[in-house]
């Protein structure tokens, strides 16, 4: 359960960072990096959620 809470906190933090750098053309590389991290954390969270619902 603690892993899910930490995962959600990390996901929220990286979504915040992604939205913060979205409009800045100088930080475009960070935007794509944060977007990849968001997608990865979201996939892990969905995997944990689905496996918890199945069990």
PDB file of N, CA and C in Angstrom:
ATOM      1  N   UNK A   1       0.818  -1.198   0.000  1.00  0.00           N
ATOM      2  CA  UNK A   1       0.000   0.000   0.000  1.00  0.00           C
ATOM      3  C   UNK A   1       0.863   1.264   0.000  1.00  0.00           C
ATOM      4  N   UNK A   2       1.971   1.206   0.731  1.00  0.00           N
ATOM      5  CA  UNK A   2       2.859   2.370   0.773  1.00  0.00           C
ATOM      6  C   UNK A   2       3.453   2.645  -0.604  1.00  0.00           C
ATOM      7  N   UNK A   3       3.726   1.588  -1.355  1.00  0.00           N
ATOM      8  CA  UNK A   3       4.270   1.755  -2.702  1.00  0.00           C
ATOM      9  C   UNK A   3       3.294   2.517  -3.592  1.00  0.00           C
ATOM     10  N   UNK A   4       2.024   2.225  -3.471  1.00  0.00           N
ATOM     11  CA  UNK A   4       1.013   2.898  -4.295  1.00  0.00           C
ATOM     12  C   UNK A   4       0.926   4.375  -3.925  1.00  0.00           C
ATOM     13  N   UNK A   5       1.009   4.680  -2.631  1.00  0.00           N
ATOM     14  CA  UNK A   5       0.956   6.077  -2.191  1.00  0.00           C
ATOM     15  C   UNK A   5       2.174   6.844  -2.695  1.00  0.00           C
ATOM     16  N   UNK A   6       3.346   6.242  -2.590  1.00  0.00           N
ATOM     17  CA  UNK A   6       4.564   6.883  -3.087  1.00  0.00           C
ATOM     18  C   UNK A   6       4.500   7.034  -4.603  1.00  0.00           C
ATOM     19  N   UNK A   7       3.982   6.031  -5.284  1.00  0.00           N
ATOM     20  CA  UNK A   7       3.845   6.090  -6.740  1.00  0.00           C
ATOM     21  C   UNK A   7       2.896   7.207  -7.162  1.00  0.00           C
ATOM     22  N   UNK A   8       1.781   7.358  -6.463  1.00  0.00           N
ATOM     23  CA  UNK A   8       0.853   8.439  -6.783  1.00  0.00           C
ATOM     24  C   UNK A   8       1.465   9.809  -6.513  1.00  0.00           C
ATOM     25  N   UNK A   9       2.226   9.921  -5.430  1.00  0.00           N
ATOM     26  CA  UNK A   9       2.893  11.190  -5.133  1.00  0.00           C
ATOM     27  C   UNK A   9       3.912  11.530  -6.215  1.00  0.00           C
ATOM     28  N   UNK A  10       4.682  10.542  -6.649  1.00  0.00           N
ATOM     29  CA  UNK A  10       5.667  10.775  -7.709  1.00  0.00           C
ATOM     30  C   UNK A  10       4.973  11.134  -9.017  1.00  0.00           C
ATOM     31  N   UNK A  11       3.876  10.462  -9.316  1.00  0.00           N
ATOM     32  CA  UNK A  11       3.130  10.758 -10.538  1.00  0.00           C
ATOM     33  C   UNK A  11       2.580  12.183 -10.505  1.00  0.00           C
ATOM     34  N   UNK A  12       2.021  12.580  -9.378  1.00  0.00           N
ATOM     35  CA  UNK A  12       1.505  13.948  -9.252  1.00  0.00           C
ATOM     36  C   UNK A  12       2.622  14.977  -9.393  1.00  0.00           C
ATOM     37  N   UNK A  13       3.774  14.699  -8.802  1.00  0.00           N
ATOM     38  CA  UNK A  13       4.909  15.618  -8.883  1.00  0.00           C
ATOM     39  C   UNK A  13       5.393  15.771 -10.319  1.00  0.00           C
ATOM     40  N   UNK A  14       5.523  14.663 -11.037  1.00  0.00           N
ATOM     41  CA  UNK A  14       6.010  14.750 -12.407  1.00  0.00           C
ATOM     42  C   UNK A  14       4.961  15.327 -13.358  1.00  0.00           C
ATOM     43  N   UNK A  15       3.683  15.126 -13.076  1.00  0.00           N
ATOM     44  CA  UNK A  15       2.648  15.792 -13.873  1.00  0.00           C
ATOM     45  C   UNK A  15       2.726  17.298 -13.655  1.00  0.00           C
ATOM     46  N   UNK A  16       2.950  17.712 -12.407  1.00  0.00           N
ATOM     47  CA  UNK A  16       3.127  19.137 -12.114  1.00  0.00           C
ATOM     48  C   UNK A  16       4.327  19.701 -12.878  1.00  0.00           C
ATOM     49  N   UNK A  17       5.451  18.990 -12.855  1.00  0.00           N
ATOM     50  CA  UNK A  17       6.633  19.456 -13.573  1.00  0.00           C
ATOM     51  C   UNK A  17       6.393  19.513 -15.079  1.00  0.00           C
ATOM     52  N   UNK A  18       5.677  18.533 -15.599  1.00  0.00           N
ATOM     53  CA  UNK A  18       5.376  18.508 -17.032  1.00  0.00           C
ATOM     54  C   UNK A  18       4.532  19.711 -17.430  1.00  0.00           C
ATOM     55  N   UNK A  19       3.523  20.010 -16.636  1.00  0.00           N
ATOM     56  CA  UNK A  19       2.670  21.153 -16.949  1.00  0.00           C
ATOM     57  C   UNK A  19       3.408  22.472 -16.767  1.00  0.00           C
ATOM     58  N   UNK A  20       4.376  22.496 -15.855  1.00  0.00           N
ATOM     59  CA  UNK A  20       5.142  23.718 -15.617  1.00  0.00           C
ATOM     60  C   UNK A  20       6.060  24.057 -16.790  1.00  0.00           C
ATOM     61  N   UNK A  21       6.685  23.065 -17.408  1.00  0.00           N
ATOM     62  CA  UNK A  21       7.638  23.327 -18.493  1.00  0.00           C
ATOM     63  C   UNK A  21       6.996  23.248 -19.879  1.00  0.00           C
ATOM     64  N   UNK A  22       5.703  23.013 -19.932  1.00  0.00           N
ATOM     65  CA  UNK A  22       5.026  22.815 -21.212  1.00  0.00           C
ATOM     66  C   UNK A  22       5.165  24.007 -22.154  1.00  0.00           C
ATOM     67  N   UNK A  23       5.036  25.221 -21.650  1.00  0.00           N
ATOM     68  CA  UNK A  23       5.044  26.381 -22.530  1.00  0.00           C
ATOM     69  C   UNK A  23       6.411  26.976 -22.793  1.00  0.00           C
ATOM     70  N   UNK A  24       7.452  26.458 -22.179  1.00  0.00           N
ATOM     71  CA  UNK A  24       8.787  27.044 -22.308  1.00  0.00           C
ATOM     72  C   UNK A  24       9.571  26.325 -23.402  1.00  0.00           C
ATOM     73  N   UNK A  25       9.872  27.005 -24.519  1.00  0.00           N
ATOM     74  CA  UNK A  25      10.583  26.325 -25.616  1.00  0.00           C
ATOM     75  C   UNK A  25      12.025  25.961 -25.266  1.00  0.00           C
ATOM     76  N   UNK A  26      12.626  26.665 -24.309  1.00  0.00           N
ATOM     77  CA  UNK A  26      14.009  26.353 -23.932  1.00  0.00           C
ATOM     78  C   UNK A  26      14.106  25.051 -23.137  1.00  0.00           C
ATOM     79  N   UNK A  27      13.032  24.684 -22.489  1.00  0.00           N
ATOM     80  CA  UNK A  27      13.051  23.472 -21.658  1.00  0.00           C
ATOM     81  C   UNK A  27      12.278  22.334 -22.311  1.00  0.00           C
ATOM     82  N   UNK A  28      12.264  22.315 -23.640  1.00  0.00           N
ATOM     83  CA  UNK A  28      11.509  21.313 -24.390  1.00  0.00           C
ATOM     84  C   UNK A  28      12.010  19.899 -24.119  1.00  0.00           C
ATOM     85  N   UNK A  29      13.335  19.725 -23.942  1.00  0.00           N
ATOM     86  CA  UNK A  29      13.877  18.394 -23.651  1.00  0.00           C
ATOM     87  C   UNK A  29      13.351  17.876 -22.323  1.00  0.00           C
ATOM     88  N   UNK A  30      13.251  18.763 -21.336  1.00  0.00           N
ATOM     89  CA  UNK A  30      12.707  18.350 -20.046  1.00  0.00           C
ATOM     90  C   UNK A  30      11.242  17.957 -20.168  1.00  0.00           C
ATOM     91  N   UNK A  31      10.511  18.643 -21.036  1.00  0.00           N
ATOM     92  CA  UNK A  31       9.104  18.311 -21.225  1.00  0.00           C
ATOM     93  C   UNK A  31       8.947  16.874 -21.698  1.00  0.00           C
ATOM     94  N   UNK A  32       9.730  16.480 -22.682  1.00  0.00           N
ATOM     95  CA  UNK A  32       9.620  15.117 -23.194  1.00  0.00           C
ATOM     96  C   UNK A  32      10.107  14.094 -22.171  1.00  0.00           C
ATOM     97  N   UNK A  33      11.138  14.434 -21.416  1.00  0.00           N
ATOM     98  CA  UNK A  33      11.610  13.541 -20.359  1.00  0.00           C
ATOM     99  C   UNK A  33      10.538  13.359 -19.295  1.00  0.00           C
ATOM    100  N   UNK A  34       9.939  14.460 -18.851  1.00  0.00           N
ATOM    101  CA  UNK A  34       8.875  14.375 -17.847  1.00  0.00           C
ATOM    102  C   UNK A  34       7.663  13.634 -18.396  1.00  0.00           C
ATOM    103  N   UNK A  35       7.379  13.804 -19.669  1.00  0.00           N
ATOM    104  CA  UNK A  35       6.250  13.109 -20.275  1.00  0.00           C
ATOM    105  C   UNK A  35       6.486  11.601 -20.303  1.00  0.00           C
ATOM    106  N   UNK A  36       7.705  11.186 -20.620  1.00  0.00           N
ATOM    107  CA  UNK A  36       8.037   9.757 -20.608  1.00  0.00           C
ATOM    108  C   UNK A  36       7.936   9.207 -19.189  1.00  0.00           C
ATOM    109  N   UNK A  37       8.421   9.957 -18.217  1.00  0.00           N
ATOM    110  CA  UNK A  37       8.331   9.512 -16.821  1.00  0.00           C
ATOM    111  C   UNK A  37       6.872   9.428 -16.392  1.00  0.00           C
ATOM    112  N   UNK A  38       6.042  10.403 -16.792  1.00  0.00           N
ATOM    113  CA  UNK A  38       4.608  10.356 -16.486  1.00  0.00           C
ATOM    114  C   UNK A  38       3.958   9.109 -17.061  1.00  0.00           C
ATOM    115  N   UNK A  39       4.273   8.815 -18.307  1.00  0.00           N
ATOM    116  CA  UNK A  39       3.686   7.633 -18.940  1.00  0.00           C
ATOM    117  C   UNK A  39       4.133   6.350 -18.251  1.00  0.00           C
ATOM    118  N   UNK A  40       5.401   6.280 -17.881  1.00  0.00           N
ATOM    119  CA  UNK A  40       5.912   5.085 -17.214  1.00  0.00           C
ATOM    120  C   UNK A  40       5.263   4.912 -15.837  1.00  0.00           C
ATOM    121  N   UNK A  41       5.212   5.985 -15.046  1.00  0.00           N
ATOM    122  CA  UNK A  41       4.593   5.897 -13.720  1.00  0.00           C
ATOM    123  C   UNK A  41       3.106   5.585 -13.828  1.00  0.00           C
ATOM    124  N   UNK A  42       2.443   6.162 -14.820  1.00  0.00           N
ATOM    125  CA  UNK A  42       1.030   5.869 -15.023  1.00  0.00           C
ATOM    126  C   UNK A  42       0.792   4.418 -15.401  1.00  0.00           C
ATOM    127  N   UNK A  43       1.665   3.869 -16.229  1.00  0.00           N
ATOM    128  CA  UNK A  43       1.533   2.459 -16.612  1.00  0.00           C
ATOM    129  C   UNK A  43       1.756   1.543 -15.413  1.00  0.00           C
ATOM    130  N   UNK A  44       2.738   1.857 -14.595  1.00  0.00           N
ATOM    131  CA  UNK A  44       2.989   1.049 -13.395  1.00  0.00           C
ATOM    132  C   UNK A  44       1.805   1.145 -12.443  1.00  0.00           C
ATOM    133  N   UNK A  45       1.258   2.339 -12.258  1.00  0.00           N
ATOM    134  CA  UNK A  45       0.106   2.504 -11.377  1.00  0.00           C
ATOM    135  C   UNK A  45      -1.100   1.733 -11.902  1.00  0.00           C
ATOM    136  N   UNK A  46      -1.363   1.813 -13.195  1.00  0.00           N
ATOM    137  CA  UNK A  46      -2.485   1.064 -13.758  1.00  0.00           C
ATOM    138  C   UNK A  46      -2.286  -0.438 -13.632  1.00  0.00           C
ATOM    139  N   UNK A  47      -1.052  -0.900 -13.815  1.00  0.00           N
ATOM    140  CA  UNK A  47      -0.762  -2.320 -13.643  1.00  0.00           C
ATOM    141  C   UNK A  47      -1.057  -2.753 -12.208  1.00  0.00           C
ATOM    142  N   UNK A  48      -0.600  -1.970 -11.239  1.00  0.00           N
ATOM    143  CA  UNK A  48      -0.858  -2.311  -9.838  1.00  0.00           C
ATOM    144  C   UNK A  48      -2.343  -2.262  -9.519  1.00  0.00           C
ATOM    145  N   UNK A  49      -3.051  -1.300 -10.093  1.00  0.00           N
ATOM    146  CA  UNK A  49      -4.483  -1.185  -9.850  1.00  0.00           C
ATOM    147  C   UNK A  49      -5.245  -2.368 -10.436  1.00  0.00           C
ATOM    148  N   UNK A  50      -4.909  -2.756 -11.646  1.00  0.00           N
ATOM    149  CA  UNK A  50      -5.596  -3.878 -12.293  1.00  0.00           C
ATOM    150  C   UNK A  50      -5.292  -5.185 -11.574  1.00  0.00           C
ATOM    151  N   UNK A  51      -4.037  -5.400 -11.195  1.00  0.00           N
ATOM    152  CA  UNK A  51      -3.710  -6.640 -10.487  1.00  0.00           C
ATOM    153  C   UNK A  51      -4.359  -6.681  -9.110  1.00  0.00           C
ATOM    154  N   UNK A  52      -4.540  -5.528  -8.468  1.00  0.00           N
ATOM    155  CA  UNK A  52      -5.225  -5.503  -7.174  1.00  0.00           C
ATOM    156  C   UNK A  52      -6.708  -5.817  -7.341  1.00  0.00           C
ATOM    157  N   UNK A  53      -7.305  -5.345  -8.425  1.00  0.00           N
ATOM    158  CA  UNK A  53      -8.719  -5.621  -8.653  1.00  0.00           C
ATOM    159  C   UNK A  53      -8.958  -7.074  -9.040  1.00  0.00           C
ATOM    160  N   UNK A  54      -8.016  -7.673  -9.743  1.00  0.00           N
ATOM    161  CA  UNK A  54      -8.173  -9.067 -10.161  1.00  0.00           C
ATOM    162  C   UNK A  54      -8.006 -10.012  -8.975  1.00  0.00           C
ATOM    163  N   UNK A  55      -7.052  -9.702  -8.109  1.00  0.00           N
ATOM    164  CA  UNK A  55      -6.828 -10.565  -6.932  1.00  0.00           C
ATOM    165  C   UNK A  55      -7.900 -10.296  -5.956  1.00  0.00           C
TER     166      UNK A  55
END
